[in-house]
Amino acid sequence: MDDWIKVAQLADVPVLGARIYRHNEGEIAIFRTAEDKVFALNNRCPHKGGPLSEGIVHGGQVTCPLHNWQIDLATGEAQGADTGCTERFEVKVVGEDIFLRAVNAKA
């Protein structure tokens, strides 16, 4: 697991919420759904750069708090008539630990 970085425990991310992981190039929002599925996206909406971590998680999407764009958590793609995509990061849960595929990271 050398190319994976432990970034949180499952309990650190609220159900239907997010937690931010900061790295050299910005912020990654780690999301948790009602079904305890975990996703990681760049913390910037593709529309105007809104903080996705402050949005509302519902189903498999997050709604940006600035202009209500809905972003698919699995793909980072804007939904409906909106177009755009935010970067997605590979994430996995092992036991209660959440890991991201290595990025240029800082604690």
N, C-alpha and C. Protein backbone atom coordinates (compact mmCIF):
# COMPACT_ATOMS: atom_id res chain seq x y z
N MET A 1 0.83 -1.21 0.00
CA MET A 1 0.00 0.00 0.00
C MET A 1 0.86 1.26 0.00
N ASP A 2 2.07 1.18 -0.56
CA ASP A 2 2.97 2.33 -0.57
C ASP A 2 2.40 3.52 -1.32
N ASP A 3 1.56 3.29 -2.31
CA ASP A 3 1.02 4.40 -3.09
C ASP A 3 -0.32 4.91 -2.55
N TRP A 4 -0.69 4.49 -1.35
CA TRP A 4 -1.92 4.94 -0.70
C TRP A 4 -1.56 5.70 0.57
N ILE A 5 -2.31 6.76 0.84
CA ILE A 5 -2.08 7.59 2.02
C ILE A 5 -3.32 7.55 2.90
N LYS A 6 -3.14 7.22 4.18
CA LYS A 6 -4.25 7.25 5.12
C LYS A 6 -4.58 8.71 5.40
N VAL A 7 -5.84 9.09 5.16
CA VAL A 7 -6.23 10.50 5.32
C VAL A 7 -7.27 10.72 6.41
N ALA A 8 -7.94 9.67 6.86
CA ALA A 8 -8.98 9.84 7.88
C ALA A 8 -9.48 8.48 8.31
N GLN A 9 -10.32 8.50 9.32
CA GLN A 9 -11.07 7.32 9.69
C GLN A 9 -12.51 7.58 9.27
N LEU A 10 -13.25 6.51 9.03
CA LEU A 10 -14.63 6.64 8.59
C LEU A 10 -15.43 7.53 9.54
N ALA A 11 -15.20 7.39 10.83
CA ALA A 11 -15.94 8.19 11.82
C ALA A 11 -15.62 9.68 11.73
N ASP A 12 -14.49 10.05 11.09
CA ASP A 12 -14.12 11.46 10.93
C ASP A 12 -14.99 12.18 9.90
N VAL A 13 -15.62 11.42 9.02
CA VAL A 13 -16.43 12.01 7.95
C VAL A 13 -17.90 11.78 8.29
N PRO A 14 -18.66 12.84 8.53
CA PRO A 14 -20.06 12.64 8.90
C PRO A 14 -20.87 12.01 7.77
N VAL A 15 -21.86 11.20 8.14
CA VAL A 15 -22.79 10.65 7.16
C VAL A 15 -23.47 11.82 6.46
N LEU A 16 -23.54 11.75 5.13
CA LEU A 16 -24.09 12.82 4.28
C LEU A 16 -23.31 14.12 4.44
N GLY A 17 -22.01 13.98 4.67
CA GLY A 17 -21.15 15.15 4.84
C GLY A 17 -19.79 14.93 4.20
N ALA A 18 -18.86 15.82 4.57
CA ALA A 18 -17.53 15.79 3.96
C ALA A 18 -16.48 16.23 4.97
N ARG A 19 -15.25 15.91 4.63
CA ARG A 19 -14.08 16.34 5.38
C ARG A 19 -13.05 16.75 4.34
N ILE A 20 -12.23 17.75 4.66
CA ILE A 20 -11.23 18.24 3.71
C ILE A 20 -9.87 17.64 4.03
N TYR A 21 -9.17 17.20 2.97
CA TYR A 21 -7.78 16.80 3.06
C TYR A 21 -6.99 17.79 2.21
N ARG A 22 -6.03 18.47 2.84
CA ARG A 22 -5.23 19.47 2.13
C ARG A 22 -3.93 18.83 1.61
N HIS A 23 -3.56 19.22 0.37
CA HIS A 23 -2.31 18.75 -0.21
C HIS A 23 -1.67 19.92 -0.95
N ASN A 24 -0.50 19.70 -1.52
CA ASN A 24 0.28 20.79 -2.12
C ASN A 24 -0.45 21.56 -3.21
N GLU A 25 -1.36 20.92 -3.89
CA GLU A 25 -2.03 21.57 -5.01
C GLU A 25 -3.45 22.01 -4.71
N GLY A 26 -3.89 21.88 -3.47
CA GLY A 26 -5.24 22.33 -3.13
C GLY A 26 -5.89 21.47 -2.07
N GLU A 27 -7.19 21.30 -2.21
CA GLU A 27 -7.98 20.56 -1.23
C GLU A 27 -8.77 19.45 -1.90
N ILE A 28 -8.84 18.33 -1.21
CA ILE A 28 -9.65 17.20 -1.66
C ILE A 28 -10.78 17.05 -0.65
N ALA A 29 -12.01 17.01 -1.16
CA ALA A 29 -13.18 16.79 -0.31
C ALA A 29 -13.47 15.30 -0.29
N ILE A 30 -13.53 14.74 0.92
CA ILE A 30 -13.85 13.32 1.10
C ILE A 30 -15.29 13.25 1.57
N PHE A 31 -16.14 12.59 0.79
CA PHE A 31 -17.58 12.53 1.05
C PHE A 31 -17.98 11.16 1.55
N ARG A 32 -19.04 11.13 2.37
CA ARG A 32 -19.61 9.87 2.86
C ARG A 32 -21.12 9.90 2.63
N THR A 33 -21.63 8.89 1.97
CA THR A 33 -23.06 8.82 1.69
C THR A 33 -23.80 8.14 2.83
N ALA A 34 -25.12 8.11 2.74
CA ALA A 34 -25.95 7.44 3.74
C ALA A 34 -25.66 5.94 3.79
N GLU A 35 -25.16 5.38 2.69
CA GLU A 35 -24.84 3.96 2.61
C GLU A 35 -23.39 3.69 3.01
N ASP A 36 -22.70 4.69 3.57
CA ASP A 36 -21.30 4.61 3.98
C ASP A 36 -20.34 4.40 2.81
N LYS A 37 -20.74 4.80 1.60
CA LYS A 37 -19.81 4.80 0.48
C LYS A 37 -18.98 6.09 0.59
N VAL A 38 -17.71 5.99 0.25
CA VAL A 38 -16.79 7.12 0.38
C VAL A 38 -16.26 7.50 -1.00
N PHE A 39 -16.23 8.81 -1.27
CA PHE A 39 -15.76 9.35 -2.54
C PHE A 39 -14.83 10.52 -2.26
N ALA A 40 -13.97 10.84 -3.22
CA ALA A 40 -13.06 11.97 -3.07
C ALA A 40 -13.02 12.77 -4.37
N LEU A 41 -13.26 14.08 -4.23
CA LEU A 41 -13.25 15.00 -5.36
C LEU A 41 -12.43 16.23 -5.02
N ASN A 42 -11.93 16.90 -6.07
CA ASN A 42 -11.35 18.22 -5.87
C ASN A 42 -12.41 19.08 -5.18
N ASN A 43 -12.02 19.88 -4.22
CA ASN A 43 -12.99 20.66 -3.44
C ASN A 43 -13.45 21.92 -4.17
N ARG A 44 -13.43 21.92 -5.48
CA ARG A 44 -13.86 23.09 -6.26
C ARG A 44 -14.89 22.67 -7.30
N CYS A 45 -16.03 23.32 -7.25
CA CYS A 45 -17.07 23.08 -8.25
C CYS A 45 -16.55 23.52 -9.62
N PRO A 46 -16.86 22.76 -10.68
CA PRO A 46 -16.39 23.14 -12.01
C PRO A 46 -17.05 24.42 -12.54
N HIS A 47 -18.10 24.89 -11.90
CA HIS A 47 -18.80 26.09 -12.36
C HIS A 47 -18.04 27.36 -11.97
N LYS A 48 -18.01 27.68 -10.69
CA LYS A 48 -17.37 28.91 -10.21
C LYS A 48 -16.39 28.64 -9.07
N GLY A 49 -16.00 27.37 -8.89
CA GLY A 49 -15.01 27.05 -7.87
C GLY A 49 -15.55 26.99 -6.45
N GLY A 50 -16.85 26.84 -6.30
CA GLY A 50 -17.46 26.76 -4.97
C GLY A 50 -16.92 25.59 -4.17
N PRO A 51 -16.93 25.68 -2.83
CA PRO A 51 -16.42 24.62 -1.97
C PRO A 51 -17.39 23.45 -1.86
N LEU A 52 -17.16 22.41 -2.62
CA LEU A 52 -18.07 21.26 -2.64
C LEU A 52 -18.22 20.63 -1.27
N SER A 53 -17.18 20.70 -0.44
CA SER A 53 -17.25 20.10 0.90
C SER A 53 -18.32 20.74 1.77
N GLU A 54 -18.77 21.94 1.41
CA GLU A 54 -19.81 22.63 2.16
C GLU A 54 -21.20 22.39 1.56
N GLY A 55 -21.26 21.56 0.52
CA GLY A 55 -22.53 21.28 -0.14
C GLY A 55 -23.32 20.20 0.56
N ILE A 56 -24.50 19.94 0.02
CA ILE A 56 -25.41 18.93 0.57
C ILE A 56 -25.21 17.63 -0.20
N VAL A 57 -24.92 16.55 0.54
CA VAL A 57 -24.76 15.22 -0.06
C VAL A 57 -26.12 14.55 -0.06
N HIS A 58 -26.51 14.02 -1.22
CA HIS A 58 -27.79 13.33 -1.36
C HIS A 58 -27.62 12.25 -2.42
N GLY A 59 -28.03 11.03 -2.04
CA GLY A 59 -27.83 9.92 -2.97
C GLY A 59 -26.36 9.80 -3.30
N GLY A 60 -26.03 9.80 -4.57
CA GLY A 60 -24.64 9.74 -5.02
C GLY A 60 -24.14 11.06 -5.56
N GLN A 61 -24.71 12.17 -5.06
CA GLN A 61 -24.35 13.49 -5.56
C GLN A 61 -24.10 14.46 -4.42
N VAL A 62 -23.43 15.57 -4.76
CA VAL A 62 -23.30 16.69 -3.84
C VAL A 62 -23.79 17.93 -4.60
N THR A 63 -24.52 18.79 -3.90
CA THR A 63 -25.00 20.03 -4.50
C THR A 63 -24.11 21.17 -4.03
N CYS A 64 -23.53 21.89 -4.97
CA CYS A 64 -22.63 22.99 -4.65
C CYS A 64 -23.41 24.07 -3.88
N PRO A 65 -22.84 24.61 -2.80
CA PRO A 65 -23.55 25.60 -2.02
C PRO A 65 -23.68 26.97 -2.69
N LEU A 66 -22.91 27.24 -3.74
CA LEU A 66 -22.97 28.56 -4.37
C LEU A 66 -24.11 28.70 -5.37
N HIS A 67 -24.22 27.77 -6.31
CA HIS A 67 -25.20 27.92 -7.39
C HIS A 67 -26.02 26.66 -7.64
N ASN A 68 -26.02 25.75 -6.68
CA ASN A 68 -26.85 24.53 -6.73
C ASN A 68 -26.52 23.57 -7.86
N TRP A 69 -25.30 23.61 -8.38
CA TRP A 69 -24.90 22.60 -9.35
C TRP A 69 -24.82 21.25 -8.63
N GLN A 70 -25.30 20.21 -9.28
CA GLN A 70 -25.24 18.86 -8.73
C GLN A 70 -24.10 18.11 -9.40
N ILE A 71 -23.19 17.59 -8.56
CA ILE A 71 -22.00 16.91 -9.04
C ILE A 71 -22.07 15.44 -8.63
N ASP A 72 -21.87 14.54 -9.58
CA ASP A 72 -21.87 13.10 -9.30
C ASP A 72 -20.61 12.75 -8.52
N LEU A 73 -20.76 12.11 -7.37
CA LEU A 73 -19.62 11.79 -6.51
C LEU A 73 -18.69 10.75 -7.13
N ALA A 74 -19.23 9.84 -7.93
CA ALA A 74 -18.42 8.77 -8.52
C ALA A 74 -17.58 9.25 -9.70
N THR A 75 -18.09 10.24 -10.44
CA THR A 75 -17.41 10.66 -11.67
C THR A 75 -16.89 12.09 -11.63
N GLY A 76 -17.45 12.93 -10.76
CA GLY A 76 -17.09 14.35 -10.73
C GLY A 76 -17.83 15.17 -11.78
N GLU A 77 -18.69 14.53 -12.56
CA GLU A 77 -19.41 15.19 -13.65
C GLU A 77 -20.62 15.98 -13.14
N ALA A 78 -20.82 17.18 -13.71
CA ALA A 78 -22.03 17.95 -13.43
C ALA A 78 -23.23 17.21 -14.00
N GLN A 79 -24.36 17.32 -13.33
CA GLN A 79 -25.58 16.60 -13.72
C GLN A 79 -26.60 17.55 -14.35
N GLY A 80 -27.59 16.97 -14.99
CA GLY A 80 -28.66 17.76 -15.60
C GLY A 80 -28.15 18.53 -16.81
N ALA A 81 -28.63 19.77 -16.95
CA ALA A 81 -28.26 20.60 -18.10
C ALA A 81 -26.87 21.22 -17.93
N ASP A 82 -26.30 21.16 -16.72
CA ASP A 82 -24.99 21.76 -16.48
C ASP A 82 -23.89 20.87 -17.05
N THR A 83 -22.81 21.49 -17.49
CA THR A 83 -21.68 20.72 -18.01
C THR A 83 -20.40 21.14 -17.31
N GLY A 84 -19.55 20.17 -17.11
CA GLY A 84 -18.27 20.41 -16.45
C GLY A 84 -17.93 19.22 -15.59
N CYS A 85 -16.70 19.20 -15.11
CA CYS A 85 -16.24 18.07 -14.31
C CYS A 85 -15.18 18.56 -13.33
N THR A 86 -15.20 18.03 -12.14
CA THR A 86 -14.14 18.27 -11.18
C THR A 86 -13.32 17.00 -11.04
N GLU A 87 -12.05 17.14 -10.70
CA GLU A 87 -11.17 15.98 -10.61
C GLU A 87 -11.63 15.02 -9.52
N ARG A 88 -11.56 13.75 -9.85
CA ARG A 88 -11.92 12.66 -8.93
C ARG A 88 -10.65 11.98 -8.48
N PHE A 89 -10.61 11.54 -7.24
CA PHE A 89 -9.45 10.85 -6.69
C PHE A 89 -9.86 9.45 -6.26
N GLU A 90 -8.95 8.50 -6.46
CA GLU A 90 -9.22 7.13 -6.06
C GLU A 90 -9.15 7.03 -4.54
N VAL A 91 -10.16 6.40 -3.96
CA VAL A 91 -10.27 6.28 -2.51
C VAL A 91 -10.71 4.87 -2.16
N LYS A 92 -10.26 4.39 -0.99
CA LYS A 92 -10.73 3.09 -0.52
C LYS A 92 -10.80 3.11 1.00
N VAL A 93 -11.66 2.26 1.53
CA VAL A 93 -11.82 2.10 2.97
C VAL A 93 -11.33 0.71 3.33
N VAL A 94 -10.42 0.66 4.30
CA VAL A 94 -9.90 -0.61 4.81
C VAL A 94 -10.21 -0.62 6.31
N GLY A 95 -11.13 -1.49 6.70
CA GLY A 95 -11.59 -1.46 8.09
C GLY A 95 -12.29 -0.14 8.34
N GLU A 96 -11.76 0.67 9.23
CA GLU A 96 -12.31 2.00 9.52
C GLU A 96 -11.43 3.12 8.96
N ASP A 97 -10.37 2.77 8.23
CA ASP A 97 -9.43 3.75 7.70
C ASP A 97 -9.74 4.11 6.26
N ILE A 98 -9.64 5.41 5.93
CA ILE A 98 -9.86 5.90 4.58
C ILE A 98 -8.49 6.23 3.97
N PHE A 99 -8.26 5.70 2.77
CA PHE A 99 -7.00 5.93 2.06
C PHE A 99 -7.28 6.60 0.72
N LEU A 100 -6.38 7.51 0.31
CA LEU A 100 -6.38 8.09 -1.02
C LEU A 100 -5.17 7.56 -1.77
N ARG A 101 -5.34 7.37 -3.08
CA ARG A 101 -4.18 7.05 -3.92
C ARG A 101 -3.24 8.24 -3.78
N ALA A 102 -1.97 8.01 -3.67
CA ALA A 102 -0.99 9.06 -3.37
C ALA A 102 -1.11 10.26 -4.31
N VAL A 103 -1.10 11.44 -3.70
CA VAL A 103 -1.03 12.72 -4.41
C VAL A 103 0.13 13.46 -3.75
N ASN A 104 0.54 14.58 -4.31
CA ASN A 104 1.57 15.39 -3.65
C ASN A 104 0.95 15.89 -2.35
N ALA A 105 1.23 15.21 -1.27
CA ALA A 105 0.47 15.42 -0.05
C ALA A 105 1.26 16.16 1.02
N LYS A 106 0.51 16.85 1.86
CA LYS A 106 1.04 17.42 3.09
C LYS A 106 -0.02 17.25 4.16
N ALA A 107 0.39 17.10 5.36
CA ALA A 107 -0.57 16.86 6.45
C ALA A 107 -1.32 18.12 6.80
